Every structure is written in C-alpha cells, then in structure tokens.
N, C-alpha and C. Protein backbone atom coordinates (compact mmCIF):
# COMPACT_ATOMS: atom_id res chain seq x y z
N MET A 1 0.84 -1.18 0.00
CA MET A 1 0.00 0.00 0.00
C MET A 1 0.89 1.24 0.00
N ALA A 2 0.55 2.20 -0.83
CA ALA A 2 1.34 3.43 -0.93
C ALA A 2 1.33 4.17 0.39
N GLY A 3 2.50 4.62 0.79
CA GLY A 3 2.62 5.40 2.00
C GLY A 3 2.72 4.58 3.27
N SER A 4 2.64 3.25 3.17
CA SER A 4 2.71 2.42 4.37
C SER A 4 4.13 2.41 4.91
N PRO A 5 4.28 2.09 6.20
CA PRO A 5 5.63 2.04 6.76
C PRO A 5 6.53 1.05 6.03
N GLU A 6 5.94 0.03 5.41
CA GLU A 6 6.72 -0.97 4.69
C GLU A 6 6.97 -0.59 3.23
N GLU A 7 6.53 0.57 2.83
CA GLU A 7 6.67 0.98 1.44
C GLU A 7 8.14 1.02 1.03
N PRO A 8 8.48 0.37 -0.08
CA PRO A 8 9.87 0.40 -0.53
C PRO A 8 10.33 1.82 -0.84
N ALA A 9 11.57 2.13 -0.53
CA ALA A 9 12.10 3.48 -0.72
C ALA A 9 11.96 3.95 -2.16
N GLU A 10 12.10 3.03 -3.13
CA GLU A 10 12.03 3.46 -4.54
C GLU A 10 10.62 3.91 -4.94
N ARG A 11 9.59 3.56 -4.16
CA ARG A 11 8.22 3.99 -4.47
C ARG A 11 7.86 5.29 -3.77
N ARG A 12 8.66 5.72 -2.82
CA ARG A 12 8.35 6.96 -2.11
C ARG A 12 8.59 8.14 -3.04
N PRO A 13 7.79 9.19 -2.91
CA PRO A 13 7.96 10.32 -3.83
C PRO A 13 9.30 11.02 -3.62
N VAL A 14 9.81 11.57 -4.69
CA VAL A 14 11.03 12.37 -4.61
C VAL A 14 10.61 13.73 -4.09
N THR A 15 11.27 14.17 -3.03
CA THR A 15 10.88 15.43 -2.41
C THR A 15 12.10 16.12 -1.83
N ASP A 16 12.01 17.42 -1.74
CA ASP A 16 13.07 18.20 -1.09
C ASP A 16 12.97 18.09 0.42
N ARG A 17 11.82 17.59 0.92
CA ARG A 17 11.58 17.50 2.36
C ARG A 17 11.19 16.08 2.76
N PRO A 18 12.10 15.12 2.67
CA PRO A 18 11.74 13.75 3.05
C PRO A 18 11.32 13.65 4.52
N ASP A 19 11.85 14.52 5.37
CA ASP A 19 11.46 14.52 6.78
C ASP A 19 9.99 14.87 6.94
N LEU A 20 9.53 15.84 6.15
CA LEU A 20 8.12 16.23 6.21
C LEU A 20 7.23 15.11 5.70
N TYR A 21 7.61 14.49 4.58
CA TYR A 21 6.85 13.38 4.04
C TYR A 21 6.72 12.26 5.08
N THR A 22 7.82 11.93 5.72
CA THR A 22 7.81 10.87 6.72
C THR A 22 6.91 11.22 7.90
N ARG A 23 6.98 12.46 8.39
CA ARG A 23 6.13 12.87 9.51
C ARG A 23 4.65 12.81 9.14
N VAL A 24 4.30 13.27 7.96
CA VAL A 24 2.90 13.24 7.53
C VAL A 24 2.41 11.81 7.41
N MET A 25 3.21 10.95 6.79
CA MET A 25 2.80 9.56 6.61
C MET A 25 2.68 8.83 7.96
N GLU A 26 3.58 9.10 8.90
CA GLU A 26 3.48 8.50 10.23
C GLU A 26 2.18 8.94 10.91
N HIS A 27 1.85 10.21 10.78
CA HIS A 27 0.61 10.73 11.35
C HIS A 27 -0.60 10.04 10.73
N LEU A 28 -0.61 9.92 9.41
CA LEU A 28 -1.73 9.27 8.73
C LEU A 28 -1.87 7.82 9.14
N TRP A 29 -0.78 7.10 9.25
CA TRP A 29 -0.85 5.68 9.59
C TRP A 29 -1.35 5.44 11.00
N ARG A 30 -1.16 6.40 11.90
CA ARG A 30 -1.71 6.25 13.26
C ARG A 30 -3.23 6.24 13.23
N HIS A 31 -3.82 6.85 12.21
CA HIS A 31 -5.27 6.97 12.11
C HIS A 31 -5.86 6.10 11.00
N TYR A 32 -5.07 5.22 10.43
CA TYR A 32 -5.50 4.43 9.27
C TYR A 32 -6.76 3.63 9.53
N ALA A 33 -6.90 3.05 10.73
CA ALA A 33 -8.07 2.21 11.03
C ALA A 33 -9.37 2.99 10.96
N LEU A 34 -9.31 4.30 11.15
CA LEU A 34 -10.52 5.13 11.13
C LEU A 34 -10.88 5.64 9.73
N MET A 35 -9.97 5.51 8.79
CA MET A 35 -10.18 6.07 7.46
C MET A 35 -11.22 5.30 6.67
N SER A 36 -11.88 6.01 5.77
CA SER A 36 -12.87 5.39 4.88
C SER A 36 -12.18 4.58 3.80
N SER A 37 -12.93 3.67 3.24
CA SER A 37 -12.38 2.87 2.14
C SER A 37 -12.27 3.74 0.89
N PRO A 38 -11.39 3.37 -0.03
CA PRO A 38 -11.29 4.11 -1.28
C PRO A 38 -12.62 4.12 -2.05
N GLU A 39 -13.37 3.02 -1.96
CA GLU A 39 -14.65 2.94 -2.66
C GLU A 39 -15.65 3.96 -2.10
N ARG A 40 -15.68 4.08 -0.77
CA ARG A 40 -16.61 5.04 -0.15
C ARG A 40 -16.22 6.48 -0.51
N LEU A 41 -14.93 6.75 -0.51
CA LEU A 41 -14.45 8.08 -0.89
C LEU A 41 -14.79 8.37 -2.35
N ALA A 42 -14.57 7.39 -3.22
CA ALA A 42 -14.87 7.59 -4.64
C ALA A 42 -16.36 7.85 -4.85
N ALA A 43 -17.22 7.13 -4.13
CA ALA A 43 -18.66 7.34 -4.25
C ALA A 43 -19.03 8.76 -3.82
N ALA A 44 -18.38 9.26 -2.77
CA ALA A 44 -18.65 10.63 -2.31
C ALA A 44 -18.21 11.65 -3.35
N VAL A 45 -17.05 11.43 -3.96
CA VAL A 45 -16.56 12.34 -5.00
C VAL A 45 -17.50 12.36 -6.19
N VAL A 46 -17.94 11.18 -6.62
CA VAL A 46 -18.87 11.10 -7.75
C VAL A 46 -20.17 11.83 -7.41
N GLY A 47 -20.65 11.65 -6.20
CA GLY A 47 -21.87 12.33 -5.78
C GLY A 47 -21.74 13.84 -5.80
N VAL A 48 -20.61 14.35 -5.33
CA VAL A 48 -20.37 15.80 -5.33
C VAL A 48 -20.23 16.32 -6.75
N LEU A 49 -19.49 15.60 -7.58
CA LEU A 49 -19.31 16.04 -8.97
C LEU A 49 -20.61 16.05 -9.75
N GLY A 50 -21.53 15.18 -9.39
CA GLY A 50 -22.82 15.11 -10.08
C GLY A 50 -23.86 16.06 -9.52
N SER A 51 -23.52 16.78 -8.48
CA SER A 51 -24.46 17.68 -7.83
C SER A 51 -24.51 19.03 -8.54
N GLU A 52 -25.73 19.59 -8.62
CA GLU A 52 -25.88 20.93 -9.21
C GLU A 52 -25.26 21.99 -8.32
N ARG A 53 -25.39 21.80 -7.01
CA ARG A 53 -24.82 22.75 -6.05
C ARG A 53 -23.97 21.97 -5.05
N PRO A 54 -22.73 21.68 -5.42
CA PRO A 54 -21.88 20.88 -4.52
C PRO A 54 -21.56 21.65 -3.24
N PRO A 55 -21.44 20.93 -2.13
CA PRO A 55 -21.10 21.59 -0.87
C PRO A 55 -19.64 22.07 -0.88
N ALA A 56 -19.35 23.05 -0.05
CA ALA A 56 -17.98 23.54 0.06
C ALA A 56 -17.06 22.45 0.60
N HIS A 57 -17.59 21.63 1.49
CA HIS A 57 -16.84 20.52 2.07
C HIS A 57 -17.72 19.29 2.11
N ARG A 58 -17.11 18.14 1.88
CA ARG A 58 -17.83 16.87 2.01
C ARG A 58 -16.95 15.95 2.82
N ARG A 59 -17.37 15.67 4.03
CA ARG A 59 -16.59 14.80 4.92
C ARG A 59 -17.14 13.39 4.84
N VAL A 60 -16.23 12.42 4.74
CA VAL A 60 -16.63 11.03 4.51
C VAL A 60 -16.00 10.14 5.56
N GLY A 61 -16.81 9.27 6.16
CA GLY A 61 -16.29 8.22 7.02
C GLY A 61 -16.25 8.54 8.50
N PRO A 62 -15.95 7.51 9.29
CA PRO A 62 -15.95 7.67 10.74
C PRO A 62 -14.85 8.60 11.24
N ASP A 63 -13.76 8.72 10.50
CA ASP A 63 -12.69 9.61 10.92
C ASP A 63 -13.09 11.07 10.85
N ALA A 64 -14.16 11.35 10.14
CA ALA A 64 -14.60 12.73 9.96
C ALA A 64 -15.61 13.17 11.02
N ALA A 65 -15.97 12.31 11.97
CA ALA A 65 -17.00 12.65 12.95
C ALA A 65 -16.64 13.90 13.75
N GLY A 66 -15.43 13.93 14.29
CA GLY A 66 -15.00 15.10 15.05
C GLY A 66 -14.88 16.33 14.19
N ILE A 67 -14.37 16.14 12.99
CA ILE A 67 -14.24 17.25 12.05
C ILE A 67 -15.62 17.77 11.68
N ARG A 68 -16.57 16.86 11.52
CA ARG A 68 -17.93 17.24 11.16
C ARG A 68 -18.55 18.12 12.26
N ILE A 69 -18.36 17.74 13.50
CA ILE A 69 -18.89 18.53 14.62
C ILE A 69 -18.24 19.90 14.66
N ALA A 70 -16.91 19.94 14.57
CA ALA A 70 -16.21 21.22 14.59
C ALA A 70 -16.62 22.08 13.40
N GLY A 71 -16.78 21.44 12.24
CA GLY A 71 -17.18 22.18 11.04
C GLY A 71 -18.56 22.78 11.15
N ASP A 72 -19.43 22.14 11.92
CA ASP A 72 -20.76 22.70 12.13
C ASP A 72 -20.73 23.91 13.05
N LEU A 73 -19.73 23.97 13.91
CA LEU A 73 -19.64 25.06 14.88
C LEU A 73 -18.83 26.25 14.39
N VAL A 74 -17.93 26.00 13.46
CA VAL A 74 -17.00 27.04 13.00
C VAL A 74 -17.31 27.37 11.54
N PRO A 75 -17.45 28.65 11.20
CA PRO A 75 -17.72 29.02 9.80
C PRO A 75 -16.55 28.65 8.88
N ASP A 76 -16.85 28.38 7.61
CA ASP A 76 -15.83 27.99 6.63
C ASP A 76 -14.70 29.01 6.53
N ARG A 77 -15.01 30.28 6.61
CA ARG A 77 -13.98 31.31 6.46
C ARG A 77 -12.98 31.30 7.61
N VAL A 78 -13.37 30.70 8.74
CA VAL A 78 -12.46 30.52 9.87
C VAL A 78 -11.82 29.14 9.81
N TRP A 79 -12.62 28.13 9.46
CA TRP A 79 -12.17 26.74 9.44
C TRP A 79 -11.06 26.50 8.42
N ASP A 80 -11.22 27.01 7.20
CA ASP A 80 -10.24 26.74 6.14
C ASP A 80 -8.84 27.23 6.49
N PRO A 81 -8.66 28.48 6.95
CA PRO A 81 -7.31 28.90 7.33
C PRO A 81 -6.76 28.11 8.53
N LEU A 82 -7.63 27.72 9.44
CA LEU A 82 -7.20 26.93 10.59
C LEU A 82 -6.65 25.57 10.15
N VAL A 83 -7.37 24.90 9.27
CA VAL A 83 -6.92 23.60 8.77
C VAL A 83 -5.62 23.77 7.99
N HIS A 84 -5.53 24.82 7.21
CA HIS A 84 -4.30 25.09 6.45
C HIS A 84 -3.11 25.28 7.40
N ARG A 85 -3.30 26.04 8.45
CA ARG A 85 -2.25 26.29 9.43
C ARG A 85 -1.84 24.98 10.14
N LEU A 86 -2.83 24.17 10.50
CA LEU A 86 -2.53 22.90 11.15
C LEU A 86 -1.77 21.96 10.22
N ALA A 87 -2.17 21.91 8.96
CA ALA A 87 -1.50 21.05 8.00
C ALA A 87 -0.04 21.46 7.80
N ARG A 88 0.20 22.75 7.83
CA ARG A 88 1.57 23.24 7.66
C ARG A 88 2.43 22.92 8.88
N SER A 89 1.80 22.75 10.03
CA SER A 89 2.57 22.49 11.26
C SER A 89 2.99 21.03 11.40
N LEU A 90 2.47 20.14 10.55
CA LEU A 90 2.83 18.72 10.68
C LEU A 90 4.29 18.47 10.39
C-alpha cells in the first residue's frame, strides 16, 4: 500500500523535504483504522461532482466525525485557514 511504513524506498515520492513526508505519513498511519475505504471516498466524490450545487466541504467516514462537529460550529472562512495552518505544522 502506498505510504505504508513498509513501502519500498524506490516507491516513495522524490521530495526536497523527506522529513516532512515521513512525519505526515506516520501521522496518517496512526489513524489508518478510522479512514474510509477508497470505494466510499470515490462514491462521495462522484456524488459531489454530479451535484448541481456541490457543498464547500464533504466529509466522509468515521474519521470525519469530530471534524464534522467542529465544522458545524465554525464558519468555513475561519475553518479553512485553521486547517491550512494545522497542515503546515505537521
């Protein structure tokens, strides 16, 4: 599986920041059991693409429960920069 701890070095992306790639992948793998299946994610993408008025955000799966609650409480104009800042801190 791409990005797994057992992923061969030759399959890892070429990057100027291998330390950042490793930290992000370690973070993702800690939460892997909560992630949605690729099929469920693909179905959500197809649904959004086929919508006349797609939502600004579409959260999929059990891992999104906390994000869903926070997203309901925080406006998008506040949420988006916050998520961006958190992603940069990884």
